[in-house]
Amino acid sequence: MPTCYRHPGRETYIRCQRCDRAICPDCMRDAAVGFQCPTCVAEGAKTTRTGRTAYGGLRPGNAGITSMVLIAINVGVWLMVVATGGSASRLVDLLALRPKGLCLTSRGGFDVPQAACSGNATWLPGVSDGAWWQLMTSAFTHVEIWHIGFNMLALWILGPQLELVIGRTRFLALYLLSALAGSALVYWATFEYQSTLGASGAIFGLMGALLVVALKVRSNPQQILMWIGINFVFTAIGRGSISWQGHLGGFLGGVLIALVLVYAPRNHRTLWQSVGLGAITVAIVVSIVVRTAVLNA
C-alpha cells in the first residue's frame, strides 16, 4: 500500500501533480489541477515572480521599510551630534556641507591651507579641499530638534507612498539623488565658508516626485501643490537661516528623477530608467567638479 512521503504510517492513493509523491489528506494542497504536496508548493512560491509596481520596481512586501531605515539613520546621527556637544560638536564640522575649508582661530577664520592651520586653531574642512563626503553626510545631519522633527515627519508621510508606487530601490535612488542635487546647488550658490546641513533637500525632492506621479496618474494635485507652496513660502520667509538652495535643488532634482522613472517607455523600462538616472548623476557630479575647480582657481 502506498504511504504518505511525510507521514509513512498513513496509507493514501492521492499523488502530487508535480512530483508524483504519495500524499495524505493533511499534506494535500489545492492546485489548479488536482493537489500538490507541501514541498512543491514551497518550491513554486520561490520561483514565482514577485509582483512589480506600475513603474517597474519590485512591489515592497512591507511598504515604508526603506523610509523607516532612513529615519533611523538620521535620528542616529542626530543623537551622536547631541551627545557630543550639539552645535559645537566636532561632528557638525566634519559632516555639514561647507564649500571651502576654513582655519578657525581665536581671532577669526582664515582662508589658508590645512597644513598652515596649526597650534590652537581648528580646521573646518570643506568640499573643495577634499571633504567630498559632506555632499551626502550633510543630508543626514541635524542639530535642532525642530529641524529633524519636521524633516522626519515629512519623510514618514511621503516616503511610504512613493516607495509603494515606484519600489524600494527606485525610491532610495530618488531620495539620495535628490539630496545630492540639493547639495550641488548649495555648493554653487552658498557663501564659500557657510555650513549647511539637514535632509530638507531630499524631502523637497520627494515632494517634487509626488507631484509628478500625481500628474502622471491624473490625480488631483491640489493638496501636494498647497503643501509645496507653503514650504516654499516658509523657505522664502526664513531665507536668512533656511537653505533655499538646498530646497530648490532637491525639488528640481526630485522632479527630474521622477520624470525619468514614471515616463520611461514600457519596453526596456529598467534600462531607460538606469540610463536616465545615470545621466542625472553624471550631470550633478560634473557640476560639482566644475565648482571645485572654480573655488580652487
C-alpha atoms as a PDB file:
ATOM      1  CA  MET A   1       0.000   0.000   0.000  1.00  0.00           C
ATOM      2  CA  PRO A   2       1.421   3.484  -0.860  1.00  0.00           C
ATOM      3  CA  THR A   3       2.032   5.700   2.146  1.00  0.00           C
ATOM      4  CA  CYS A   4       2.437   9.458   2.511  1.00  0.00           C
ATOM      5  CA  TYR A   5       6.013  10.643   1.959  1.00  0.00           C
ATOM      6  CA  ARG A   6       5.760  12.886   5.000  1.00  0.00           C
ATOM      7  CA  HIS A   7       3.720  10.505   7.176  1.00  0.00           C
ATOM      8  CA  PRO A   8       4.922   6.931   6.448  1.00  0.00           C
ATOM      9  CA  GLY A   9       2.226   5.376   8.643  1.00  0.00           C
ATOM     10  CA  ARG A  10      -0.666   6.748   6.592  1.00  0.00           C
ATOM     11  CA  GLU A  11      -1.955   4.867   3.571  1.00  0.00           C
ATOM     12  CA  THR A  12      -3.042   7.001   0.607  1.00  0.00           C
ATOM     13  CA  TYR A  13      -3.869   6.777  -3.094  1.00  0.00           C
ATOM     14  CA  ILE A  14      -3.502  10.511  -3.825  1.00  0.00           C
ATOM     15  CA  ARG A  15      -0.338  11.729  -5.544  1.00  0.00           C
ATOM     16  CA  CYS A  16       1.179  15.178  -6.053  1.00  0.00           C
ATOM     17  CA  GLN A  17       0.517  16.521  -9.555  1.00  0.00           C
ATOM     18  CA  ARG A  18       4.076  17.857  -9.820  1.00  0.00           C
ATOM     19  CA  CYS A  19       6.370  15.256  -8.276  1.00  0.00           C
ATOM     20  CA  ASP A  20       4.020  12.223  -8.155  1.00  0.00           C
ATOM     21  CA  ARG A  21       4.765  11.558  -4.497  1.00  0.00           C
ATOM     22  CA  ALA A  22       2.024  10.000  -2.374  1.00  0.00           C
ATOM     23  CA  ILE A  23       0.354  12.482  -0.029  1.00  0.00           C
ATOM     24  CA  CYS A  24      -2.186  12.072   2.739  1.00  0.00           C
ATOM     25  CA  PRO A  25      -5.150  14.441   3.306  1.00  0.00           C
ATOM     26  CA  ASP A  26      -3.128  16.559   5.748  1.00  0.00           C
ATOM     27  CA  CYS A  27      -0.467  17.169   3.091  1.00  0.00           C
ATOM     28  CA  MET A  28      -2.789  17.855   0.177  1.00  0.00           C
ATOM     29  CA  ARG A  29      -2.644  21.432  -1.150  1.00  0.00           C
ATOM     30  CA  ASP A  30      -5.196  22.632  -3.705  1.00  0.00           C
ATOM     31  CA  ALA A  31      -3.712  23.314  -7.138  1.00  0.00           C
ATOM     32  CA  ALA A  32      -5.125  24.427 -10.482  1.00  0.00           C
ATOM     33  CA  VAL A  33      -5.477  20.728 -11.336  1.00  0.00           C
ATOM     34  CA  GLY A  34      -5.579  18.168  -8.536  1.00  0.00           C
ATOM     35  CA  PHE A  35      -3.372  18.530  -5.479  1.00  0.00           C
ATOM     36  CA  GLN A  36       0.262  19.282  -4.739  1.00  0.00           C
ATOM     37  CA  CYS A  37       2.497  18.355  -1.817  1.00  0.00           C
ATOM     38  CA  PRO A  38       3.828  20.992   0.638  1.00  0.00           C
ATOM     39  CA  THR A  39       7.355  20.694  -0.807  1.00  0.00           C
ATOM     40  CA  CYS A  40       6.234  21.515  -4.354  1.00  0.00           C
ATOM     41  CA  VAL A  41       4.065  24.396  -3.129  1.00  0.00           C
ATOM     42  CA  ALA A  42       7.085  25.883  -1.309  1.00  0.00           C
ATOM     43  CA  GLU A  43       9.305  25.462  -4.378  1.00  0.00           C
ATOM     44  CA  GLY A  44       6.674  27.097  -6.556  1.00  0.00           C
ATOM     45  CA  ALA A  45       6.481  30.091  -4.220  1.00  0.00           C
ATOM     46  CA  LYS A  46      10.243  30.587  -4.517  1.00  0.00           C
ATOM     47  CA  THR A  47      10.173  30.602  -8.327  1.00  0.00           C
ATOM     48  CA  THR A  48       7.057  32.766  -8.715  1.00  0.00           C
ATOM     49  CA  ARG A  49       7.924  36.236  -9.927  1.00  0.00           C
ATOM     50  CA  THR A  50       7.360  38.902  -7.314  1.00  0.00           C
ATOM     51  CA  GLY A  51       4.750  41.496  -8.233  1.00  0.00           C
ATOM     52  CA  ARG A  52       6.035  44.773  -9.637  1.00  0.00           C
ATOM     53  CA  THR A  53       4.855  48.335  -9.294  1.00  0.00           C
ATOM     54  CA  ALA A  54       3.410  50.324 -12.184  1.00  0.00           C
ATOM     55  CA  TYR A  55       6.865  51.758 -12.889  1.00  0.00           C
ATOM     56  CA  GLY A  56       8.949  48.594 -12.829  1.00  0.00           C
ATOM     57  CA  GLY A  57      10.086  48.359  -9.216  1.00  0.00           C
ATOM     58  CA  LEU A  58       9.542  45.297  -7.058  1.00  0.00           C
ATOM     59  CA  ARG A  59       6.381  45.711  -5.027  1.00  0.00           C
ATOM     60  CA  PRO A  60       7.512  46.035  -1.395  1.00  0.00           C
ATOM     61  CA  GLY A  61       6.030  43.476   0.962  1.00  0.00           C
ATOM     62  CA  ASN A  62       6.328  45.933   3.841  1.00  0.00           C
ATOM     63  CA  ALA A  63       5.770  49.388   2.371  1.00  0.00           C
ATOM     64  CA  GLY A  64       7.721  52.069   4.171  1.00  0.00           C
ATOM     65  CA  ILE A  65      10.612  49.975   5.491  1.00  0.00           C
ATOM     66  CA  THR A  66      13.173  51.973   3.473  1.00  0.00           C
ATOM     67  CA  SER A  67      11.749  55.223   4.808  1.00  0.00           C
ATOM     68  CA  MET A  68      11.949  53.889   8.367  1.00  0.00           C
ATOM     69  CA  VAL A  69      15.605  52.907   7.873  1.00  0.00           C
ATOM     70  CA  LEU A  70      16.399  56.404   6.561  1.00  0.00           C
ATOM     71  CA  ILE A  71      14.627  57.926   9.547  1.00  0.00           C
ATOM     72  CA  ALA A  72      16.626  55.689  11.893  1.00  0.00           C
ATOM     73  CA  ILE A  73      19.920  56.780  10.284  1.00  0.00           C
ATOM     74  CA  ASN A  74      19.002  60.467  10.585  1.00  0.00           C
ATOM     75  CA  VAL A  75      17.941  60.081  14.206  1.00  0.00           C
ATOM     76  CA  GLY A  76      21.102  58.095  14.995  1.00  0.00           C
ATOM     77  CA  VAL A  77      23.346  60.835  13.597  1.00  0.00           C
ATOM     78  CA  TRP A  78      21.346  63.493  15.445  1.00  0.00           C
ATOM     79  CA  LEU A  79      21.748  61.646  18.746  1.00  0.00           C
ATOM     80  CA  MET A  80      25.508  61.446  18.220  1.00  0.00           C
ATOM     81  CA  VAL A  81      25.630  65.175  17.463  1.00  0.00           C
ATOM     82  CA  VAL A  82      23.621  65.999  20.586  1.00  0.00           C
ATOM     83  CA  ALA A  83      25.756  63.676  22.730  1.00  0.00           C
ATOM     84  CA  THR A  84      28.981  65.323  21.538  1.00  0.00           C
ATOM     85  CA  GLY A  85      28.047  68.952  22.041  1.00  0.00           C
ATOM     86  CA  GLY A  86      25.158  69.867  19.734  1.00  0.00           C
ATOM     87  CA  SER A  87      26.002  72.829  17.520  1.00  0.00           C
ATOM     88  CA  ALA A  88      29.537  72.858  18.989  1.00  0.00           C
ATOM     89  CA  SER A  89      30.090  69.175  18.163  1.00  0.00           C
ATOM     90  CA  ARG A  90      33.092  68.335  16.030  1.00  0.00           C
ATOM     91  CA  LEU A  91      30.763  66.036  14.061  1.00  0.00           C
ATOM     92  CA  VAL A  92      28.948  69.097  12.728  1.00  0.00           C
ATOM     93  CA  ASP A  93      32.274  70.491  11.446  1.00  0.00           C
ATOM     94  CA  LEU A  94      33.017  67.205   9.695  1.00  0.00           C
ATOM     95  CA  LEU A  95      29.565  66.260   8.347  1.00  0.00           C
ATOM     96  CA  ALA A  96      27.925  69.588   7.417  1.00  0.00           C
ATOM     97  CA  LEU A  97      28.472  70.899   3.894  1.00  0.00           C
ATOM     98  CA  ARG A  98      30.988  73.724   3.690  1.00  0.00           C
ATOM     99  CA  PRO A  99      32.082  74.703   0.156  1.00  0.00           C
ATOM    100  CA  LYS A 100      35.583  75.746   1.210  1.00  0.00           C
ATOM    101  CA  GLY A 101      37.740  74.847   4.211  1.00  0.00           C
ATOM    102  CA  LEU A 102      38.443  77.404   6.918  1.00  0.00           C
ATOM    103  CA  CYS A 103      41.070  77.742   9.635  1.00  0.00           C
ATOM    104  CA  LEU A 104      39.274  78.925  12.767  1.00  0.00           C
ATOM    105  CA  THR A 105      41.311  80.728  15.430  1.00  0.00           C
ATOM    106  CA  SER A 106      40.565  82.974  18.393  1.00  0.00           C
ATOM    107  CA  ARG A 107      40.975  85.931  16.025  1.00  0.00           C
ATOM    108  CA  GLY A 108      38.506  84.602  13.476  1.00  0.00           C
ATOM    109  CA  GLY A 109      38.532  82.423  10.385  1.00  0.00           C
ATOM    110  CA  PHE A 110      41.291  82.434   7.785  1.00  0.00           C
ATOM    111  CA  ASP A 111      41.483  81.060   4.270  1.00  0.00           C
ATOM    112  CA  VAL A 112      44.780  79.194   4.497  1.00  0.00           C
ATOM    113  CA  PRO A 113      45.863  75.667   3.503  1.00  0.00           C
ATOM    114  CA  GLN A 114      45.162  72.978   6.075  1.00  0.00           C
ATOM    115  CA  ALA A 115      48.892  72.459   6.624  1.00  0.00           C
ATOM    116  CA  ALA A 116      49.196  76.066   7.812  1.00  0.00           C
ATOM    117  CA  CYS A 117      46.344  75.674  10.300  1.00  0.00           C
ATOM    118  CA  SER A 118      48.227  74.680  13.453  1.00  0.00           C
ATOM    119  CA  GLY A 119      48.545  75.497  17.121  1.00  0.00           C
ATOM    120  CA  ASN A 120      45.226  76.196  18.837  1.00  0.00           C
ATOM    121  CA  ALA A 121      43.471  76.696  15.514  1.00  0.00           C
ATOM    122  CA  THR A 122      40.712  74.357  14.329  1.00  0.00           C
ATOM    123  CA  TRP A 123      40.485  73.216  10.732  1.00  0.00           C
ATOM    124  CA  LEU A 124      36.944  73.201   9.355  1.00  0.00           C
ATOM    125  CA  PRO A 125      37.079  71.007   6.238  1.00  0.00           C
ATOM    126  CA  GLY A 126      35.331  71.952   3.008  1.00  0.00           C
ATOM    127  CA  VAL A 127      34.277  70.068  -0.112  1.00  0.00           C
ATOM    128  CA  SER A 128      36.724  71.879  -2.395  1.00  0.00           C
ATOM    129  CA  ASP A 129      39.559  70.885  -0.052  1.00  0.00           C
ATOM    130  CA  GLY A 130      38.752  67.185  -0.275  1.00  0.00           C
ATOM    131  CA  ALA A 131      35.807  66.666   2.095  1.00  0.00           C
ATOM    132  CA  TRP A 132      33.630  65.170  -0.657  1.00  0.00           C
ATOM    133  CA  TRP A 133      31.615  63.132   1.849  1.00  0.00           C
ATOM    134  CA  GLN A 134      29.927  66.324   3.063  1.00  0.00           C
ATOM    135  CA  LEU A 135      27.819  66.424  -0.097  1.00  0.00           C
ATOM    136  CA  MET A 136      25.917  63.403   1.262  1.00  0.00           C
ATOM    137  CA  THR A 137      26.526  63.358   5.020  1.00  0.00           C
ATOM    138  CA  SER A 138      25.116  66.876   5.337  1.00  0.00           C
ATOM    139  CA  ALA A 139      21.741  65.444   4.251  1.00  0.00           C
ATOM    140  CA  PHE A 140      21.744  63.136   7.301  1.00  0.00           C
ATOM    141  CA  THR A 141      22.921  65.716   9.848  1.00  0.00           C
ATOM    142  CA  HIS A 142      20.740  67.879  12.096  1.00  0.00           C
ATOM    143  CA  VAL A 143      21.258  69.900  15.264  1.00  0.00           C
ATOM    144  CA  GLU A 144      17.939  71.448  16.346  1.00  0.00           C
ATOM    145  CA  ILE A 145      15.167  69.075  17.360  1.00  0.00           C
ATOM    146  CA  TRP A 146      12.540  71.032  15.387  1.00  0.00           C
ATOM    147  CA  HIS A 147      14.654  70.642  12.249  1.00  0.00           C
ATOM    148  CA  ILE A 148      14.958  66.873  12.395  1.00  0.00           C
ATOM    149  CA  GLY A 149      11.393  66.584  13.700  1.00  0.00           C
ATOM    150  CA  PHE A 150       9.880  68.366  10.708  1.00  0.00           C
ATOM    151  CA  ASN A 151      12.048  66.552   8.163  1.00  0.00           C
ATOM    152  CA  MET A 152      11.431  63.095   9.603  1.00  0.00           C
ATOM    153  CA  LEU A 153       7.685  63.719   9.879  1.00  0.00           C
ATOM    154  CA  ALA A 154       7.635  64.654   6.197  1.00  0.00           C
ATOM    155  CA  LEU A 155       9.683  61.557   5.321  1.00  0.00           C
ATOM    156  CA  TRP A 156       7.332  59.366   7.373  1.00  0.00           C
ATOM    157  CA  ILE A 157       4.330  60.765   5.456  1.00  0.00           C
ATOM    158  CA  LEU A 158       5.754  60.970   1.925  1.00  0.00           C
ATOM    159  CA  GLY A 159       8.200  58.078   1.884  1.00  0.00           C
ATOM    160  CA  PRO A 160       5.848  55.067   2.150  1.00  0.00           C
ATOM    161  CA  GLN A 161       3.561  56.478  -0.559  1.00  0.00           C
ATOM    162  CA  LEU A 162       6.384  56.808  -3.067  1.00  0.00           C
ATOM    163  CA  GLU A 163       8.010  53.549  -2.001  1.00  0.00           C
ATOM    164  CA  LEU A 164       4.752  51.732  -2.730  1.00  0.00           C
ATOM    165  CA  VAL A 165       4.419  53.420  -6.140  1.00  0.00           C
ATOM    166  CA  ILE A 166       7.970  53.059  -7.512  1.00  0.00           C
ATOM    167  CA  GLY A 167       9.545  50.320  -5.382  1.00  0.00           C
ATOM    168  CA  ARG A 168      12.293  50.344  -2.774  1.00  0.00           C
ATOM    169  CA  THR A 169      15.372  50.592  -4.994  1.00  0.00           C
ATOM    170  CA  ARG A 170      13.977  53.408  -7.109  1.00  0.00           C
ATOM    171  CA  PHE A 171      12.740  55.212  -4.018  1.00  0.00           C
ATOM    172  CA  LEU A 172      16.189  55.027  -2.430  1.00  0.00           C
ATOM    173  CA  ALA A 173      17.751  56.349  -5.654  1.00  0.00           C
ATOM    174  CA  LEU A 174      15.198  59.189  -5.675  1.00  0.00           C
ATOM    175  CA  TYR A 175      15.980  60.125  -2.077  1.00  0.00           C
ATOM    176  CA  LEU A 176      19.766  60.042  -2.368  1.00  0.00           C
ATOM    177  CA  LEU A 177      19.960  61.763  -5.761  1.00  0.00           C
ATOM    178  CA  SER A 178      17.568  64.494  -4.594  1.00  0.00           C
ATOM    179  CA  ALA A 179      19.808  65.044  -1.579  1.00  0.00           C
ATOM    180  CA  LEU A 180      22.853  65.219  -3.857  1.00  0.00           C
ATOM    181  CA  ALA A 181      21.122  67.661  -6.211  1.00  0.00           C
ATOM    182  CA  GLY A 182      20.297  69.901  -3.261  1.00  0.00           C
ATOM    183  CA  SER A 183      23.902  69.740  -2.072  1.00  0.00           C
ATOM    184  CA  ALA A 184      25.152  70.605  -5.549  1.00  0.00           C
ATOM    185  CA  LEU A 185      23.114  73.829  -5.662  1.00  0.00           C
ATOM    186  CA  VAL A 186      24.223  74.665  -2.116  1.00  0.00           C
ATOM    187  CA  TYR A 187      27.812  74.126  -3.250  1.00  0.00           C
ATOM    188  CA  TRP A 188      27.334  76.575  -6.113  1.00  0.00           C
ATOM    189  CA  ALA A 189      25.133  79.250  -4.567  1.00  0.00           C
ATOM    190  CA  THR A 190      26.089  79.427  -0.877  1.00  0.00           C
ATOM    191  CA  PHE A 191      28.757  81.622   0.708  1.00  0.00           C
ATOM    192  CA  GLU A 192      32.092  79.787   0.476  1.00  0.00           C
ATOM    193  CA  TYR A 193      32.600  79.298   4.218  1.00  0.00           C
ATOM    194  CA  GLN A 194      28.997  78.796   5.309  1.00  0.00           C
ATOM    195  CA  SER A 195      27.995  75.362   6.587  1.00  0.00           C
ATOM    196  CA  THR A 196      24.672  73.789   5.561  1.00  0.00           C
ATOM    197  CA  LEU A 197      23.004  70.682   6.941  1.00  0.00           C
ATOM    198  CA  GLY A 198      19.685  68.866   7.012  1.00  0.00           C
ATOM    199  CA  ALA A 199      17.591  66.423   4.966  1.00  0.00           C
ATOM    200  CA  SER A 200      15.382  69.172   3.534  1.00  0.00           C
ATOM    201  CA  GLY A 201      16.809  68.822   0.018  1.00  0.00           C
ATOM    202  CA  ALA A 202      15.836  65.148  -0.107  1.00  0.00           C
ATOM    203  CA  ILE A 203      12.406  65.914   1.398  1.00  0.00           C
ATOM    204  CA  PHE A 204      11.720  68.586  -1.229  1.00  0.00           C
ATOM    205  CA  GLY A 205      12.798  66.020  -3.821  1.00  0.00           C
ATOM    206  CA  LEU A 206      10.115  63.647  -2.547  1.00  0.00           C
ATOM    207  CA  MET A 207       7.521  66.407  -2.780  1.00  0.00           C
ATOM    208  CA  GLY A 208       8.537  67.141  -6.362  1.00  0.00           C
ATOM    209  CA  ALA A 209       8.397  63.442  -7.244  1.00  0.00           C
ATOM    210  CA  LEU A 210       4.960  63.025  -5.674  1.00  0.00           C
ATOM    211  CA  LEU A 211       3.708  65.946  -7.760  1.00  0.00           C
ATOM    212  CA  VAL A 212       4.975  64.278 -10.954  1.00  0.00           C
ATOM    213  CA  VAL A 213       3.313  60.976 -10.016  1.00  0.00           C
ATOM    214  CA  ALA A 214       0.038  62.753  -9.257  1.00  0.00           C
ATOM    215  CA  LEU A 215       0.079  64.449 -12.660  1.00  0.00           C
ATOM    216  CA  LYS A 216       1.007  61.180 -14.384  1.00  0.00           C
ATOM    217  CA  VAL A 217      -1.967  59.294 -12.957  1.00  0.00           C
ATOM    218  CA  ARG A 218      -4.210  62.345 -13.486  1.00  0.00           C
ATOM    219  CA  SER A 219      -4.952  62.678  -9.816  1.00  0.00           C
ATOM    220  CA  ASN A 220      -5.950  65.979  -8.214  1.00  0.00           C
ATOM    221  CA  PRO A 221      -2.587  67.613  -7.320  1.00  0.00           C
ATOM    222  CA  GLN A 222      -4.174  70.419  -5.293  1.00  0.00           C
ATOM    223  CA  GLN A 223      -3.124  69.065  -1.890  1.00  0.00           C
ATOM    224  CA  ILE A 224       0.505  68.396  -2.798  1.00  0.00           C
ATOM    225  CA  LEU A 225       0.719  71.768  -4.597  1.00  0.00           C
ATOM    226  CA  MET A 226      -0.578  73.508  -1.487  1.00  0.00           C
ATOM    227  CA  TRP A 227       1.977  71.686   0.678  1.00  0.00           C
ATOM    228  CA  ILE A 228       4.813  72.560  -1.717  1.00  0.00           C
ATOM    229  CA  GLY A 229       3.677  76.190  -1.851  1.00  0.00           C
ATOM    230  CA  ILE A 230       3.546  76.514   1.944  1.00  0.00           C
ATOM    231  CA  ASN A 231       7.029  75.058   2.299  1.00  0.00           C
ATOM    232  CA  PHE A 232       8.474  77.393  -0.312  1.00  0.00           C
ATOM    233  CA  VAL A 233       6.813  80.345   1.430  1.00  0.00           C
ATOM    234  CA  PHE A 234       8.463  79.303   4.694  1.00  0.00           C
ATOM    235  CA  THR A 235      11.746  78.971   2.801  1.00  0.00           C
ATOM    236  CA  ALA A 236      11.437  82.499   1.427  1.00  0.00           C
ATOM    237  CA  ILE A 237      10.490  83.973   4.796  1.00  0.00           C
ATOM    238  CA  GLY A 238      13.343  82.246   6.605  1.00  0.00           C
ATOM    239  CA  ARG A 239      15.925  82.518   3.842  1.00  0.00           C
ATOM    240  CA  GLY A 240      18.414  84.006   6.294  1.00  0.00           C
ATOM    241  CA  SER A 241      18.505  80.767   8.292  1.00  0.00           C
ATOM    242  CA  ILE A 242      16.945  78.281   5.844  1.00  0.00           C
ATOM    243  CA  SER A 243      18.860  76.996   2.838  1.00  0.00           C
ATOM    244  CA  TRP A 244      16.722  77.919  -0.151  1.00  0.00           C
ATOM    245  CA  GLN A 245      19.493  76.469  -2.305  1.00  0.00           C
ATOM    246  CA  GLY A 246      19.113  73.008  -0.800  1.00  0.00           C
ATOM    247  CA  HIS A 247      15.320  73.145  -1.011  1.00  0.00           C
ATOM    248  CA  LEU A 248      15.224  74.327  -4.624  1.00  0.00           C
ATOM    249  CA  GLY A 249      17.992  71.988  -5.772  1.00  0.00           C
ATOM    250  CA  GLY A 250      16.350  68.986  -4.114  1.00  0.00           C
ATOM    251  CA  PHE A 251      12.937  69.858  -5.548  1.00  0.00           C
ATOM    252  CA  LEU A 252      14.221  70.247  -9.109  1.00  0.00           C
ATOM    253  CA  GLY A 253      16.240  67.066  -8.761  1.00  0.00           C
ATOM    254  CA  GLY A 254      13.210  65.143  -7.474  1.00  0.00           C
ATOM    255  CA  VAL A 255      11.035  66.369 -10.341  1.00  0.00           C
ATOM    256  CA  LEU A 256      13.634  65.390 -12.955  1.00  0.00           C
ATOM    257  CA  ILE A 257      14.257  61.974 -11.384  1.00  0.00           C
ATOM    258  CA  ALA A 258      10.530  61.246 -11.155  1.00  0.00           C
ATOM    259  CA  LEU A 259      10.058  62.209 -14.805  1.00  0.00           C
ATOM    260  CA  VAL A 260      12.667  59.607 -15.742  1.00  0.00           C
ATOM    261  CA  LEU A 261      11.078  56.942 -13.541  1.00  0.00           C
ATOM    262  CA  VAL A 262       7.399  57.341 -14.422  1.00  0.00           C
ATOM    263  CA  TYR A 263       7.652  58.337 -18.092  1.00  0.00           C
ATOM    264  CA  ALA A 264      10.226  55.731 -19.152  1.00  0.00           C
ATOM    265  CA  PRO A 265       8.926  53.614 -22.082  1.00  0.00           C
ATOM    266  CA  ARG A 266       7.339  50.339 -21.014  1.00  0.00           C
ATOM    267  CA  ASN A 267       9.636  48.355 -23.306  1.00  0.00           C
ATOM    268  CA  HIS A 268      13.049  48.030 -21.639  1.00  0.00           C
ATOM    269  CA  ARG A 269      11.815  50.313 -18.857  1.00  0.00           C
ATOM    270  CA  THR A 270      14.551  49.365 -16.394  1.00  0.00           C
ATOM    271  CA  LEU A 271      17.230  50.116 -18.978  1.00  0.00           C
ATOM    272  CA  TRP A 272      15.742  53.521 -19.782  1.00  0.00           C
ATOM    273  CA  GLN A 273      15.445  54.351 -16.092  1.00  0.00           C
ATOM    274  CA  SER A 274      19.018  53.267 -15.368  1.00  0.00           C
ATOM    275  CA  VAL A 275      20.389  55.333 -18.238  1.00  0.00           C
ATOM    276  CA  GLY A 276      18.312  58.354 -17.213  1.00  0.00           C
ATOM    277  CA  LEU A 277      19.341  58.217 -13.561  1.00  0.00           C
ATOM    278  CA  GLY A 278      22.938  57.631 -14.606  1.00  0.00           C
ATOM    279  CA  ALA A 279      22.851  60.741 -16.804  1.00  0.00           C
ATOM    280  CA  ILE A 280      21.423  62.826 -13.945  1.00  0.00           C
ATOM    281  CA  THR A 281      24.127  61.538 -11.609  1.00  0.00           C
ATOM    282  CA  VAL A 282      26.878  62.352 -14.092  1.00  0.00           C
ATOM    283  CA  ALA A 283      25.486  65.868 -14.636  1.00  0.00           C
ATOM    284  CA  ILE A 284      25.435  66.527 -10.884  1.00  0.00           C
ATOM    285  CA  VAL A 285      28.957  65.177 -10.417  1.00  0.00           C
ATOM    286  CA  VAL A 286      30.273  67.251 -13.330  1.00  0.00           C
ATOM    287  CA  SER A 287      28.733  70.401 -11.834  1.00  0.00           C
ATOM    288  CA  ILE A 288      30.429  69.611  -8.523  1.00  0.00           C
ATOM    289  CA  VAL A 289      33.801  69.078 -10.203  1.00  0.00           C
ATOM    290  CA  VAL A 290      33.462  72.358 -12.113  1.00  0.00           C
ATOM    291  CA  ARG A 291      32.570  74.242  -8.924  1.00  0.00           C
ATOM    292  CA  THR A 292      35.570  72.713  -7.183  1.00  0.00           C
ATOM    293  CA  ALA A 293      37.836  73.926  -9.970  1.00  0.00           C
ATOM    294  CA  VAL A 294      36.349  77.423  -9.683  1.00  0.00           C
ATOM    295  CA  LEU A 295      36.883  77.560  -5.913  1.00  0.00           C
ATOM    296  CA  ASN A 296      40.451  76.297  -6.177  1.00  0.00           C
ATOM    297  CA  ALA A 297      41.391  78.578  -9.083  1.00  0.00           C
END
